[in-house]
Amino acid sequence: METPHYVAARVQRVLAEDDRTTELGIRVDVRGEHVFLRGQVPSEKRRRVIEEVAREATPGLRVHNEITLVEVREPGEEEHL
């Protein structure tokens, strides 16, 4: 049985190396049979692909996608505070 730390590290490596994701900004926490994905991405499609890749990397575990969407502004847009 892999330790939670090892499983989390493996999922983060897969998310970074898989051509569908190449994602470095997602935190992975493992508690028992549960894998939690946390972070921010610019689109719902990206969020779903990351979850799919994580599920493939953790057969038999339950993946909880807690990734949130963040608005991406075009360069040069004025930010109002």
PDB file of N, CA and C in Angstrom:
ATOM      1  N   MET A   1       0.843  -1.198   0.000  1.00  0.00           N
ATOM      2  CA  MET A   1       0.000   0.000   0.000  1.00  0.00           C
ATOM      3  C   MET A   1       0.880   1.250   0.000  1.00  0.00           C
ATOM      4  N   GLU A   2       0.622   2.163  -0.913  1.00  0.00           N
ATOM      5  CA  GLU A   2       1.387   3.401  -0.991  1.00  0.00           C
ATOM      6  C   GLU A   2       0.975   4.347   0.133  1.00  0.00           C
ATOM      7  N   THR A   3       1.925   5.119   0.618  1.00  0.00           N
ATOM      8  CA  THR A   3       1.600   6.122   1.627  1.00  0.00           C
ATOM      9  C   THR A   3       0.885   7.292   0.953  1.00  0.00           C
ATOM     10  N   PRO A   4       0.049   8.035   1.707  1.00  0.00           N
ATOM     11  CA  PRO A   4      -0.646   9.187   1.118  1.00  0.00           C
ATOM     12  C   PRO A   4       0.312  10.181   0.469  1.00  0.00           C
ATOM     13  N   HIS A   5       1.459  10.406   1.110  1.00  0.00           N
ATOM     14  CA  HIS A   5       2.440  11.352   0.561  1.00  0.00           C
ATOM     15  C   HIS A   5       2.939  10.882  -0.808  1.00  0.00           C
ATOM     16  N   TYR A   6       3.189   9.578  -0.933  1.00  0.00           N
ATOM     17  CA  TYR A   6       3.672   9.031  -2.196  1.00  0.00           C
ATOM     18  C   TYR A   6       2.604   9.149  -3.282  1.00  0.00           C
ATOM     19  N   VAL A   7       1.357   8.836  -2.937  1.00  0.00           N
ATOM     20  CA  VAL A   7       0.266   8.937  -3.908  1.00  0.00           C
ATOM     21  C   VAL A   7       0.123  10.382  -4.388  1.00  0.00           C
ATOM     22  N   ALA A   8       0.143  11.343  -3.452  1.00  0.00           N
ATOM     23  CA  ALA A   8       0.020  12.765  -3.813  1.00  0.00           C
ATOM     24  C   ALA A   8       1.153  13.183  -4.745  1.00  0.00           C
ATOM     25  N   ALA A   9       2.374  12.765  -4.440  1.00  0.00           N
ATOM     26  CA  ALA A   9       3.528  13.117  -5.273  1.00  0.00           C
ATOM     27  C   ALA A   9       3.395  12.504  -6.661  1.00  0.00           C
ATOM     28  N   ARG A  10       2.906  11.271  -6.728  1.00  0.00           N
ATOM     29  CA  ARG A  10       2.737  10.604  -8.026  1.00  0.00           C
ATOM     30  C   ARG A  10       1.687  11.322  -8.866  1.00  0.00           C
ATOM     31  N   VAL A  11       0.567  11.713  -8.253  1.00  0.00           N
ATOM     32  CA  VAL A  11      -0.489  12.416  -8.999  1.00  0.00           C
ATOM     33  C   VAL A  11       0.031  13.763  -9.492  1.00  0.00           C
ATOM     34  N   GLN A  12       0.768  14.486  -8.652  1.00  0.00           N
ATOM     35  CA  GLN A  12       1.320  15.778  -9.078  1.00  0.00           C
ATOM     36  C   GLN A  12       2.291  15.595 -10.241  1.00  0.00           C
ATOM     37  N   ARG A  13       3.082  14.530 -10.200  1.00  0.00           N
ATOM     38  CA  ARG A  13       4.018  14.259 -11.298  1.00  0.00           C
ATOM     39  C   ARG A  13       3.259  13.954 -12.586  1.00  0.00           C
ATOM     40  N   VAL A  14       2.204  13.128 -12.492  1.00  0.00           N
ATOM     41  CA  VAL A  14       1.409  12.783 -13.666  1.00  0.00           C
ATOM     42  C   VAL A  14       0.757  14.035 -14.248  1.00  0.00           C
ATOM     43  N   LEU A  15       0.209  14.907 -13.394  1.00  0.00           N
ATOM     44  CA  LEU A  15      -0.414  16.141 -13.878  1.00  0.00           C
ATOM     45  C   LEU A  15       0.608  17.035 -14.583  1.00  0.00           C
ATOM     46  N   ALA A  16       1.846  17.023 -14.114  1.00  0.00           N
ATOM     47  CA  ALA A  16       2.890  17.839 -14.736  1.00  0.00           C
ATOM     48  C   ALA A  16       3.360  17.241 -16.060  1.00  0.00           C
ATOM     49  N   GLU A  17       3.404  15.905 -16.144  1.00  0.00           N
ATOM     50  CA  GLU A  17       4.003  15.245 -17.299  1.00  0.00           C
ATOM     51  C   GLU A  17       3.013  14.856 -18.389  1.00  0.00           C
ATOM     52  N   ASP A  18       1.738  14.709 -18.058  1.00  0.00           N
ATOM     53  CA  ASP A  18       0.745  14.293 -19.054  1.00  0.00           C
ATOM     54  C   ASP A  18       0.544  15.416 -20.066  1.00  0.00           C
ATOM     55  N   ASP A  19       0.565  15.080 -21.348  1.00  0.00           N
ATOM     56  CA  ASP A  19       0.434  16.082 -22.412  1.00  0.00           C
ATOM     57  C   ASP A  19      -0.913  16.807 -22.380  1.00  0.00           C
ATOM     58  N   ARG A  20      -1.922  16.178 -21.786  1.00  0.00           N
ATOM     59  CA  ARG A  20      -3.245  16.815 -21.713  1.00  0.00           C
ATOM     60  C   ARG A  20      -3.298  17.915 -20.657  1.00  0.00           C
ATOM     61  N   THR A  21      -2.401  17.844 -19.668  1.00  0.00           N
ATOM     62  CA  THR A  21      -2.488  18.802 -18.566  1.00  0.00           C
ATOM     63  C   THR A  21      -1.265  19.690 -18.420  1.00  0.00           C
ATOM     64  N   THR A  22      -0.072  19.120 -18.390  1.00  0.00           N
ATOM     65  CA  THR A  22       1.174  19.846 -18.094  1.00  0.00           C
ATOM     66  C   THR A  22       0.923  20.905 -17.016  1.00  0.00           C
ATOM     67  N   GLU A  23       0.342  20.469 -15.921  1.00  0.00           N
ATOM     68  CA  GLU A  23      -0.129  21.364 -14.862  1.00  0.00           C
ATOM     69  C   GLU A  23       0.776  21.274 -13.641  1.00  0.00           C
ATOM     70  N   LEU A  24       1.280  22.428 -13.210  1.00  0.00           N
ATOM     71  CA  LEU A  24       2.147  22.479 -12.036  1.00  0.00           C
ATOM     72  C   LEU A  24       1.468  23.123 -10.830  1.00  0.00           C
ATOM     73  N   GLY A  25       0.332  23.776 -11.040  1.00  0.00           N
ATOM     74  CA  GLY A  25      -0.256  24.578  -9.972  1.00  0.00           C
ATOM     75  C   GLY A  25      -1.365  23.931  -9.174  1.00  0.00           C
ATOM     76  N   ILE A  26      -1.528  22.614  -9.266  1.00  0.00           N
ATOM     77  CA  ILE A  26      -2.606  21.949  -8.540  1.00  0.00           C
ATOM     78  C   ILE A  26      -2.028  21.249  -7.308  1.00  0.00           C
ATOM     79  N   ARG A  27      -2.638  21.527  -6.161  1.00  0.00           N
ATOM     80  CA  ARG A  27      -2.256  20.841  -4.928  1.00  0.00           C
ATOM     81  C   ARG A  27      -3.036  19.537  -4.826  1.00  0.00           C
ATOM     82  N   VAL A  28      -2.362  18.487  -4.408  1.00  0.00           N
ATOM     83  CA  VAL A  28      -2.989  17.175  -4.269  1.00  0.00           C
ATOM     84  C   VAL A  28      -2.828  16.729  -2.820  1.00  0.00           C
ATOM     85  N   ASP A  29      -3.957  16.459  -2.162  1.00  0.00           N
ATOM     86  CA  ASP A  29      -3.947  15.951  -0.797  1.00  0.00           C
ATOM     87  C   ASP A  29      -4.618  14.590  -0.801  1.00  0.00           C
ATOM     88  N   VAL A  30      -4.035  13.640  -0.093  1.00  0.00           N
ATOM     89  CA  VAL A  30      -4.598  12.297  -0.016  1.00  0.00           C
ATOM     90  C   VAL A  30      -4.905  11.985   1.440  1.00  0.00           C
ATOM     91  N   ARG A  31      -6.153  11.571   1.670  1.00  0.00           N
ATOM     92  CA  ARG A  31      -6.581  11.155   3.014  1.00  0.00           C
ATOM     93  C   ARG A  31      -7.308   9.830   2.870  1.00  0.00           C
ATOM     94  N   GLY A  32      -6.656   8.779   3.291  1.00  0.00           N
ATOM     95  CA  GLY A  32      -7.252   7.448   3.162  1.00  0.00           C
ATOM     96  C   GLY A  32      -7.481   7.110   1.704  1.00  0.00           C
ATOM     97  N   GLU A  33      -8.745   6.820   1.356  1.00  0.00           N
ATOM     98  CA  GLU A  33      -9.112   6.455  -0.012  1.00  0.00           C
ATOM     99  C   GLU A  33      -9.536   7.668  -0.847  1.00  0.00           C
ATOM    100  N   HIS A  34      -9.305   8.871  -0.318  1.00  0.00           N
ATOM    101  CA  HIS A  34      -9.788  10.084  -0.968  1.00  0.00           C
ATOM    102  C   HIS A  34      -8.626  10.959  -1.442  1.00  0.00           C
ATOM    103  N   VAL A  35      -8.743  11.448  -2.678  1.00  0.00           N
ATOM    104  CA  VAL A  35      -7.754  12.332  -3.280  1.00  0.00           C
ATOM    105  C   VAL A  35      -8.447  13.675  -3.527  1.00  0.00           C
ATOM    106  N   PHE A  36      -7.878  14.746  -2.988  1.00  0.00           N
ATOM    107  CA  PHE A  36      -8.447  16.082  -3.135  1.00  0.00           C
ATOM    108  C   PHE A  36      -7.569  16.908  -4.063  1.00  0.00           C
ATOM    109  N   LEU A  37      -8.186  17.492  -5.083  1.00  0.00           N
ATOM    110  CA  LEU A  37      -7.479  18.363  -6.020  1.00  0.00           C
ATOM    111  C   LEU A  37      -7.876  19.800  -5.709  1.00  0.00           C
ATOM    112  N   ARG A  38      -6.877  20.667  -5.501  1.00  0.00           N
ATOM    113  CA  ARG A  38      -7.164  22.065  -5.173  1.00  0.00           C
ATOM    114  C   ARG A  38      -6.256  22.981  -5.985  1.00  0.00           C
ATOM    115  N   GLY A  39      -6.794  24.128  -6.339  1.00  0.00           N
ATOM    116  CA  GLY A  39      -6.044  25.112  -7.103  1.00  0.00           C
ATOM    117  C   GLY A  39      -6.999  25.919  -7.951  1.00  0.00           C
ATOM    118  N   GLN A  40      -6.446  26.651  -8.908  1.00  0.00           N
ATOM    119  CA  GLN A  40      -7.259  27.499  -9.780  1.00  0.00           C
ATOM    120  C   GLN A  40      -6.858  27.281 -11.225  1.00  0.00           C
ATOM    121  N   VAL A  41      -7.855  27.243 -12.090  1.00  0.00           N
ATOM    122  CA  VAL A  41      -7.637  27.110 -13.526  1.00  0.00           C
ATOM    123  C   VAL A  41      -8.566  28.075 -14.255  1.00  0.00           C
ATOM    124  N   PRO A  42      -8.271  28.387 -15.530  1.00  0.00           N
ATOM    125  CA  PRO A  42      -9.051  29.394 -16.248  1.00  0.00           C
ATOM    126  C   PRO A  42     -10.345  28.894 -16.885  1.00  0.00           C
ATOM    127  N   SER A  43     -10.575  27.554 -16.945  1.00  0.00           N
ATOM    128  CA  SER A  43     -11.784  27.088 -17.633  1.00  0.00           C
ATOM    129  C   SER A  43     -12.306  25.785 -17.036  1.00  0.00           C
ATOM    130  N   GLU A  44     -13.599  25.573 -17.237  1.00  0.00           N
ATOM    131  CA  GLU A  44     -14.244  24.330 -16.777  1.00  0.00           C
ATOM    132  C   GLU A  44     -13.665  23.127 -17.516  1.00  0.00           C
ATOM    133  N   LYS A  45     -13.352  23.288 -18.802  1.00  0.00           N
ATOM    134  CA  LYS A  45     -12.765  22.188 -19.570  1.00  0.00           C
ATOM    135  C   LYS A  45     -11.437  21.756 -18.955  1.00  0.00           C
ATOM    136  N   ARG A  46     -10.612  22.723 -18.617  1.00  0.00           N
ATOM    137  CA  ARG A  46      -9.307  22.429 -17.997  1.00  0.00           C
ATOM    138  C   ARG A  46      -9.511  21.698 -16.666  1.00  0.00           C
ATOM    139  N   ARG A  47     -10.478  22.156 -15.897  1.00  0.00           N
ATOM    140  CA  ARG A  47     -10.795  21.547 -14.602  1.00  0.00           C
ATOM    141  C   ARG A  47     -11.169  20.066 -14.787  1.00  0.00           C
ATOM    142  N   ARG A  48     -11.997  19.773 -15.792  1.00  0.00           N
ATOM    143  CA  ARG A  48     -12.440  18.396 -16.046  1.00  0.00           C
ATOM    144  C   ARG A  48     -11.290  17.502 -16.525  1.00  0.00           C
ATOM    145  N   VAL A  49     -10.425  18.042 -17.387  1.00  0.00           N
ATOM    146  CA  VAL A  49      -9.296  17.249 -17.893  1.00  0.00           C
ATOM    147  C   VAL A  49      -8.347  16.892 -16.750  1.00  0.00           C
ATOM    148  N   ILE A  50      -8.082  17.831 -15.863  1.00  0.00           N
ATOM    149  CA  ILE A  50      -7.205  17.562 -14.718  1.00  0.00           C
ATOM    150  C   ILE A  50      -7.805  16.455 -13.853  1.00  0.00           C
ATOM    151  N   GLU A  51      -9.117  16.525 -13.623  1.00  0.00           N
ATOM    152  CA  GLU A  51      -9.784  15.482 -12.830  1.00  0.00           C
ATOM    153  C   GLU A  51      -9.668  14.125 -13.520  1.00  0.00           C
ATOM    154  N   GLU A  52      -9.879  14.089 -14.821  1.00  0.00           N
ATOM    155  CA  GLU A  52      -9.797  12.839 -15.584  1.00  0.00           C
ATOM    156  C   GLU A  52      -8.406  12.210 -15.464  1.00  0.00           C
ATOM    157  N   VAL A  53      -7.370  13.016 -15.626  1.00  0.00           N
ATOM    158  CA  VAL A  53      -5.996  12.512 -15.537  1.00  0.00           C
ATOM    159  C   VAL A  53      -5.717  12.008 -14.115  1.00  0.00           C
ATOM    160  N   ALA A  54      -6.192  12.733 -13.109  1.00  0.00           N
ATOM    161  CA  ALA A  54      -5.988  12.312 -11.717  1.00  0.00           C
ATOM    162  C   ALA A  54      -6.707  10.989 -11.439  1.00  0.00           C
ATOM    163  N   ARG A  55      -7.913  10.825 -11.966  1.00  0.00           N
ATOM    164  CA  ARG A  55      -8.656   9.563 -11.776  1.00  0.00           C
ATOM    165  C   ARG A  55      -7.909   8.391 -12.414  1.00  0.00           C
ATOM    166  N   GLU A  56      -7.356   8.605 -13.602  1.00  0.00           N
ATOM    167  CA  GLU A  56      -6.600   7.552 -14.282  1.00  0.00           C
ATOM    168  C   GLU A  56      -5.371   7.151 -13.465  1.00  0.00           C
ATOM    169  N   ALA A  57      -4.793   8.113 -12.750  1.00  0.00           N
ATOM    170  CA  ALA A  57      -3.565   7.864 -11.977  1.00  0.00           C
ATOM    171  C   ALA A  57      -3.847   7.232 -10.614  1.00  0.00           C
ATOM    172  N   THR A  58      -5.132   7.223 -10.206  1.00  0.00           N
ATOM    173  CA  THR A  58      -5.465   6.721  -8.868  1.00  0.00           C
ATOM    174  C   THR A  58      -6.632   5.741  -8.909  1.00  0.00           C
ATOM    175  N   PRO A  59      -6.489   4.641  -9.643  1.00  0.00           N
ATOM    176  CA  PRO A  59      -7.594   3.675  -9.700  1.00  0.00           C
ATOM    177  C   PRO A  59      -7.906   3.148  -8.300  1.00  0.00           C
ATOM    178  N   GLY A  60      -9.189   3.054  -7.995  1.00  0.00           N
ATOM    179  CA  GLY A  60      -9.593   2.545  -6.687  1.00  0.00           C
ATOM    180  C   GLY A  60      -9.739   3.619  -5.624  1.00  0.00           C
ATOM    181  N   LEU A  61      -9.316   4.844  -5.919  1.00  0.00           N
ATOM    182  CA  LEU A  61      -9.456   5.938  -4.962  1.00  0.00           C
ATOM    183  C   LEU A  61     -10.543   6.892  -5.443  1.00  0.00           C
ATOM    184  N   ARG A  62     -11.138   7.629  -4.515  1.00  0.00           N
ATOM    185  CA  ARG A  62     -12.178   8.611  -4.860  1.00  0.00           C
ATOM    186  C   ARG A  62     -11.536   9.981  -5.033  1.00  0.00           C
ATOM    187  N   VAL A  63     -11.724  10.577  -6.198  1.00  0.00           N
ATOM    188  CA  VAL A  63     -11.151  11.887  -6.492  1.00  0.00           C
ATOM    189  C   VAL A  63     -12.208  12.967  -6.251  1.00  0.00           C
ATOM    190  N   HIS A  64     -11.833  13.961  -5.454  1.00  0.00           N
ATOM    191  CA  HIS A  64     -12.707  15.103  -5.169  1.00  0.00           C
ATOM    192  C   HIS A  64     -12.092  16.328  -5.832  1.00  0.00           C
ATOM    193  N   ASN A  65     -12.792  16.864  -6.814  1.00  0.00           N
ATOM    194  CA  ASN A  65     -12.276  18.001  -7.574  1.00  0.00           C
ATOM    195  C   ASN A  65     -12.739  19.295  -6.914  1.00  0.00           C
ATOM    196  N   GLU A  66     -11.836  19.941  -6.181  1.00  0.00           N
ATOM    197  CA  GLU A  66     -12.136  21.205  -5.515  1.00  0.00           C
ATOM    198  C   GLU A  66     -11.432  22.377  -6.201  1.00  0.00           C
ATOM    199  N   ILE A  67     -11.061  22.168  -7.460  1.00  0.00           N
ATOM    200  CA  ILE A  67     -10.402  23.202  -8.256  1.00  0.00           C
ATOM    201  C   ILE A  67     -11.422  24.284  -8.589  1.00  0.00           C
ATOM    202  N   THR A  68     -11.022  25.531  -8.432  1.00  0.00           N
ATOM    203  CA  THR A  68     -11.921  26.640  -8.726  1.00  0.00           C
ATOM    204  C   THR A  68     -11.515  27.326 -10.029  1.00  0.00           C
ATOM    205  N   LEU A  69     -12.467  28.039 -10.594  1.00  0.00           N
ATOM    206  CA  LEU A  69     -12.209  28.777 -11.829  1.00  0.00           C
ATOM    207  C   LEU A  69     -11.806  30.199 -11.483  1.00  0.00           C
ATOM    208  N   VAL A  70     -10.820  30.712 -12.214  1.00  0.00           N
ATOM    209  CA  VAL A  70     -10.374  32.077 -12.006  1.00  0.00           C
ATOM    210  C   VAL A  70     -10.526  32.825 -13.324  1.00  0.00           C
ATOM    211  N   GLU A  71     -11.018  34.042 -13.235  1.00  0.00           N
ATOM    212  CA  GLU A  71     -11.205  34.845 -14.444  1.00  0.00           C
ATOM    213  C   GLU A  71      -9.853  35.296 -14.973  1.00  0.00           C
ATOM    214  N   VAL A  72      -9.638  35.074 -16.248  1.00  0.00           N
ATOM    215  CA  VAL A  72      -8.390  35.506 -16.882  1.00  0.00           C
ATOM    216  C   VAL A  72      -8.710  36.734 -17.714  1.00  0.00           C
ATOM    217  N   ARG A  73      -8.022  37.828 -17.420  1.00  0.00           N
ATOM    218  CA  ARG A  73      -8.250  39.065 -18.161  1.00  0.00           C
ATOM    219  C   ARG A  73      -7.267  39.165 -19.318  1.00  0.00           C
ATOM    220  N   GLU A  74      -7.705  39.826 -20.349  1.00  0.00           N
ATOM    221  CA  GLU A  74      -6.824  40.054 -21.498  1.00  0.00           C
ATOM    222  C   GLU A  74      -5.732  41.048 -21.094  1.00  0.00           C
ATOM    223  N   PRO A  75      -4.521  40.876 -21.604  1.00  0.00           N
ATOM    224  CA  PRO A  75      -3.461  41.838 -21.298  1.00  0.00           C
ATOM    225  C   PRO A  75      -3.892  43.248 -21.709  1.00  0.00           C
ATOM    226  N   GLY A  76      -3.584  44.193 -20.885  1.00  0.00           N
ATOM    227  CA  GLY A  76      -3.911  45.571 -21.201  1.00  0.00           C
ATOM    228  C   GLY A  76      -5.242  46.048 -20.672  1.00  0.00           C
ATOM    229  N   GLU A  77      -6.069  45.112 -20.177  1.00  0.00           N
ATOM    230  CA  GLU A  77      -7.334  45.539 -19.587  1.00  0.00           C
ATOM    231  C   GLU A  77      -7.067  46.302 -18.325  1.00  0.00           C
ATOM    232  N   GLU A  78      -7.798  47.345 -18.144  1.00  0.00           N
ATOM    233  CA  GLU A  78      -7.615  48.164 -16.965  1.00  0.00           C
ATOM    234  C   GLU A  78      -8.273  47.485 -15.775  1.00  0.00           C
ATOM    235  N   GLU A  79      -7.548  47.434 -14.665  1.00  0.00           N
ATOM    236  CA  GLU A  79      -8.094  46.833 -13.459  1.00  0.00           C
ATOM    237  C   GLU A  79      -8.597  47.924 -12.549  1.00  0.00           C
ATOM    238  N   HIS A  80      -9.831  47.818 -12.115  1.00  0.00           N
ATOM    239  CA  HIS A  80     -10.430  48.805 -11.224  1.00  0.00           C
ATOM    240  C   HIS A  80     -10.447  48.286  -9.812  1.00  0.00           C
ATOM    241  N   LEU A  81      -9.876  49.057  -8.904  1.00  0.00           N
ATOM    242  CA  LEU A  81      -9.840  48.640  -7.502  1.00  0.00           C
ATOM    243  C   LEU A  81     -10.831  49.428  -6.667  1.00  0.00           C
TER     244      LEU A  81
END
